[in-house]
Amino acid sequence: MQRKNDKSLQIRSAIGKIIKKQRLEKQKFSCNKLEEEYDISKGHINKIEKGNIDCKVITMWKIAEALDMNLSDLIKLIEEELGQDFNLIDI
């Protein structure tokens, strides 16, 4: 059984990986542009992309809008990255 912290790290990692991939490949957004136009600091984006901090829903929503995506589409990509058998709570 995995500890809750291990699963949180997996989620952080998946969020960061998908946001970075979408930012670089799909939209080619720089951290500077996100900071200037969407009020999300470069340092904060870098920490999210590295999986060092939890990403609040409001921040994910801003990032999704900046990438011209719905929040639900971003979350779907994160779910796909984690895999179908990923569960936050072990039963």
Protein backbone atom coordinates (compact mmCIF):
# COMPACT_ATOMS: atom_id res chain seq x y z
CA MET A 1 0.00 0.00 0.00
CA GLN A 2 1.36 3.42 -0.95
CA ARG A 3 1.44 6.26 1.50
CA LYS A 4 -0.82 9.24 0.81
CA ASN A 5 2.25 11.43 0.31
CA ASP A 6 3.54 9.17 -2.48
CA LYS A 7 0.26 9.56 -4.34
CA SER A 8 0.32 13.31 -3.87
CA LEU A 9 3.77 13.36 -5.42
CA GLN A 10 2.50 11.32 -8.37
CA ILE A 11 -0.33 13.80 -8.92
CA ARG A 12 2.01 16.78 -8.65
CA SER A 13 4.37 15.19 -11.14
CA ALA A 14 1.57 14.43 -13.62
CA ILE A 15 0.17 17.96 -13.35
CA GLY A 16 3.59 19.50 -13.91
CA LYS A 17 4.41 17.23 -16.83
CA ILE A 18 1.13 17.90 -18.65
CA ILE A 19 1.20 21.67 -18.05
CA LYS A 20 4.77 21.92 -19.29
CA LYS A 21 4.04 19.75 -22.33
CA GLN A 22 0.98 21.79 -23.25
CA ARG A 23 2.78 25.06 -22.65
CA LEU A 24 5.82 24.17 -24.75
CA GLU A 25 4.45 21.95 -27.50
CA LYS A 26 0.87 23.00 -28.08
CA GLN A 27 0.89 26.71 -27.36
CA LYS A 28 4.59 27.60 -27.11
CA PHE A 29 3.86 29.85 -24.13
CA SER A 30 6.83 31.13 -22.20
CA CYS A 31 6.74 31.52 -18.44
CA ASN A 32 7.20 35.23 -19.06
CA LYS A 33 3.96 35.39 -21.07
CA LEU A 34 2.04 33.54 -18.36
CA GLU A 35 3.41 35.96 -15.80
CA GLU A 36 2.70 39.09 -17.80
CA GLU A 37 -0.69 38.21 -19.27
CA TYR A 38 -2.19 35.80 -16.73
CA ASP A 39 -0.71 36.95 -13.40
CA ILE A 40 1.05 33.65 -12.63
CA SER A 41 4.66 34.17 -11.59
CA LYS A 42 7.47 32.41 -13.45
CA GLY A 43 8.70 30.94 -10.19
CA HIS A 44 5.27 29.54 -9.41
CA ILE A 45 4.93 27.97 -12.87
CA ASN A 46 8.41 26.45 -12.58
CA LYS A 47 7.58 24.94 -9.18
CA ILE A 48 4.32 23.49 -10.53
CA GLU A 49 6.03 22.06 -13.62
CA LYS A 50 8.72 20.43 -11.46
CA GLY A 51 6.09 18.94 -9.15
CA ASN A 52 7.47 20.82 -6.15
CA ILE A 53 4.17 22.36 -5.02
CA ASP A 54 0.47 21.62 -5.10
CA CYS A 55 -1.38 23.45 -7.84
CA LYS A 56 -4.59 25.11 -6.69
CA VAL A 57 -7.67 24.68 -8.84
CA ILE A 58 -7.84 28.43 -9.51
CA THR A 59 -4.26 28.36 -10.81
CA MET A 60 -4.98 25.32 -12.98
CA TRP A 61 -8.02 27.12 -14.34
CA LYS A 62 -5.92 30.19 -15.24
CA ILE A 63 -3.31 28.00 -16.90
CA ALA A 64 -5.97 26.11 -18.87
CA GLU A 65 -7.49 29.38 -20.09
CA ALA A 66 -4.05 30.70 -21.03
CA LEU A 67 -3.50 27.54 -23.07
CA ASP A 68 -6.92 27.97 -24.70
CA MET A 69 -8.25 24.82 -23.03
CA ASN A 70 -11.14 23.99 -20.76
CA LEU A 71 -10.13 23.02 -17.24
CA SER A 72 -11.86 19.69 -17.76
CA ASP A 73 -9.67 18.98 -20.81
CA LEU A 74 -6.53 19.71 -18.81
CA ILE A 75 -7.70 17.45 -16.01
CA LYS A 76 -8.51 14.68 -18.51
CA LEU A 77 -4.91 14.82 -19.78
CA ILE A 78 -3.66 14.59 -16.19
CA GLU A 79 -5.93 11.59 -15.55
CA GLU A 80 -4.58 9.90 -18.68
CA GLU A 81 -1.01 10.55 -17.52
CA LEU A 82 -1.76 8.93 -14.16
CA GLY A 83 -3.41 5.90 -15.76
CA GLN A 84 -6.78 4.26 -15.35
CA ASP A 85 -5.79 2.24 -12.32
CA PHE A 86 -4.61 5.26 -10.29
CA ASN A 87 -6.66 5.86 -7.13
CA LEU A 88 -5.94 8.48 -4.54
CA ILE A 89 -7.48 6.39 -1.78
CA ASP A 90 -6.63 2.73 -1.35
CA ILE A 91 -9.69 0.67 -0.49
